[in-house]
């Protein structure tokens, strides 16, 4: 099977947002959901939605506390965040930016 490489030039600073935008055809996030997820990942790629990341996102995006909680819930509903048994969040591995080992395989039905 032949693969067509697609190189996307980005700066290190904009990599996370560009990565998420490239996946957004699959993720189906709104522009604001993309921004929230990008800011959360900018703060920490290990912990999602902890107190520190919520405070950072609130300040960076000028959001209220309830707005951040609403967006965390939306990101969970869309499969980007996973709620753990202790009510903390972790990232779905798909949304964690990586520079190697990404391959999308489209299966066309009918």
Protein backbone atom coordinates (compact mmCIF):
# COMPACT_ATOMS: atom_id res chain seq x y z
CA UNK A 1 0.00 0.00 0.00
CA UNK A 2 1.38 3.41 -0.92
CA UNK A 3 1.30 6.32 1.49
CA UNK A 4 1.40 9.96 0.56
CA UNK A 5 3.44 11.92 3.11
CA UNK A 6 1.97 15.24 4.11
CA UNK A 7 4.37 17.66 5.77
CA UNK A 8 2.90 20.52 7.79
CA UNK A 9 5.41 23.19 8.80
CA UNK A 10 4.69 24.72 12.21
CA UNK A 11 6.69 26.43 14.93
CA UNK A 12 7.16 24.69 18.25
CA UNK A 13 4.94 27.32 19.80
CA UNK A 14 1.96 26.58 17.53
CA UNK A 15 2.47 22.82 17.21
CA UNK A 16 -0.20 21.71 19.69
CA UNK A 17 -2.93 23.87 18.16
CA UNK A 18 -1.91 22.86 14.60
CA UNK A 19 -1.91 19.17 15.61
CA UNK A 20 -5.43 19.46 17.06
CA UNK A 21 -6.66 21.41 14.02
CA UNK A 22 -5.36 18.64 11.75
CA UNK A 23 -7.31 16.07 13.80
CA UNK A 24 -10.43 18.18 14.08
CA UNK A 25 -12.08 16.55 11.08
CA UNK A 26 -12.32 13.52 13.34
CA UNK A 27 -12.72 15.24 16.72
CA UNK A 28 -15.49 17.63 15.57
CA UNK A 29 -14.61 20.32 18.12
CA UNK A 30 -15.80 23.89 17.95
CA UNK A 31 -13.18 26.64 17.67
CA UNK A 32 -13.55 27.40 21.38
CA UNK A 33 -13.29 23.72 22.37
CA UNK A 34 -10.09 23.53 20.29
CA UNK A 35 -8.70 26.58 22.09
CA UNK A 36 -9.57 25.18 25.53
CA UNK A 37 -8.00 21.80 24.77
CA UNK A 38 -4.93 23.45 23.31
CA UNK A 39 -4.48 25.65 26.40
CA UNK A 40 -4.94 22.66 28.74
CA UNK A 41 -2.27 20.73 26.79
CA UNK A 42 -0.03 23.79 26.82
CA UNK A 43 -0.20 23.79 30.62
CA UNK A 44 0.39 20.05 31.05
CA UNK A 45 0.41 17.00 28.82
CA UNK A 46 0.10 14.71 31.86
CA UNK A 47 -2.79 16.10 33.86
CA UNK A 48 -6.00 17.41 32.38
CA UNK A 49 -8.47 19.55 34.24
CA UNK A 50 -6.70 19.64 37.60
CA UNK A 51 -6.86 22.81 39.66
CA UNK A 52 -3.69 24.29 38.18
CA UNK A 53 -4.73 23.67 34.58
CA UNK A 54 -8.23 25.05 35.20
CA UNK A 55 -6.79 28.23 36.74
CA UNK A 56 -4.30 28.60 33.87
CA UNK A 57 -7.03 28.13 31.25
CA UNK A 58 -9.39 30.55 33.03
CA UNK A 59 -6.73 33.23 33.07
CA UNK A 60 -5.46 32.62 29.53
CA UNK A 61 -8.96 32.50 28.00
CA UNK A 62 -10.66 35.01 30.33
CA UNK A 63 -13.30 32.42 31.26
CA UNK A 64 -15.37 32.10 34.40
CA UNK A 65 -15.12 29.03 36.61
CA UNK A 66 -18.43 27.68 35.26
CA UNK A 67 -17.28 28.16 31.64
CA UNK A 68 -14.19 26.02 32.23
CA UNK A 69 -16.26 23.27 33.87
CA UNK A 70 -18.73 23.37 30.97
CA UNK A 71 -15.91 22.98 28.44
CA UNK A 72 -14.31 20.15 30.42
CA UNK A 73 -17.66 18.37 30.28
CA UNK A 74 -17.97 18.98 26.53
CA UNK A 75 -14.44 17.70 25.93
CA UNK A 76 -15.28 14.61 27.96
CA UNK A 77 -18.49 14.05 25.99
CA UNK A 78 -16.53 14.31 22.72
CA UNK A 79 -13.96 11.78 23.93
CA UNK A 80 -10.99 14.12 24.26
CA UNK A 81 -10.88 13.84 28.05
CA UNK A 82 -11.54 10.76 30.16
CA UNK A 83 -13.02 11.11 33.66
CA UNK A 84 -11.21 8.89 36.13
CA UNK A 85 -12.74 7.13 39.13
CA UNK A 86 -11.47 9.90 41.43
CA UNK A 87 -13.26 12.52 39.24
CA UNK A 88 -9.97 13.80 37.81
CA UNK A 89 -9.45 13.94 34.05
CA UNK A 90 -6.84 12.44 31.79
CA UNK A 91 -6.31 12.94 28.07
CA UNK A 92 -7.44 10.50 25.45
CA UNK A 93 -4.07 9.43 23.92
CA UNK A 94 -5.32 10.49 20.47
CA UNK A 95 -5.21 14.19 21.43
CA UNK A 96 -1.69 14.08 22.86
CA UNK A 97 0.52 15.73 20.23
CA UNK A 98 3.26 13.60 18.77
CA UNK A 99 5.59 14.12 15.88
CA UNK A 100 6.06 10.51 14.79
CA UNK A 101 3.85 7.48 14.42
CA UNK A 102 0.68 9.19 13.27
CA UNK A 103 -1.26 7.41 10.56
CA UNK A 104 -4.87 7.86 9.57
CA UNK A 105 -6.55 5.07 7.67
CA UNK A 106 -9.86 5.87 6.01
CA UNK A 107 -12.27 3.02 5.34
CA UNK A 108 -14.93 3.89 2.79
CA UNK A 109 -18.18 1.96 3.18
CA UNK A 110 -20.40 1.34 0.19
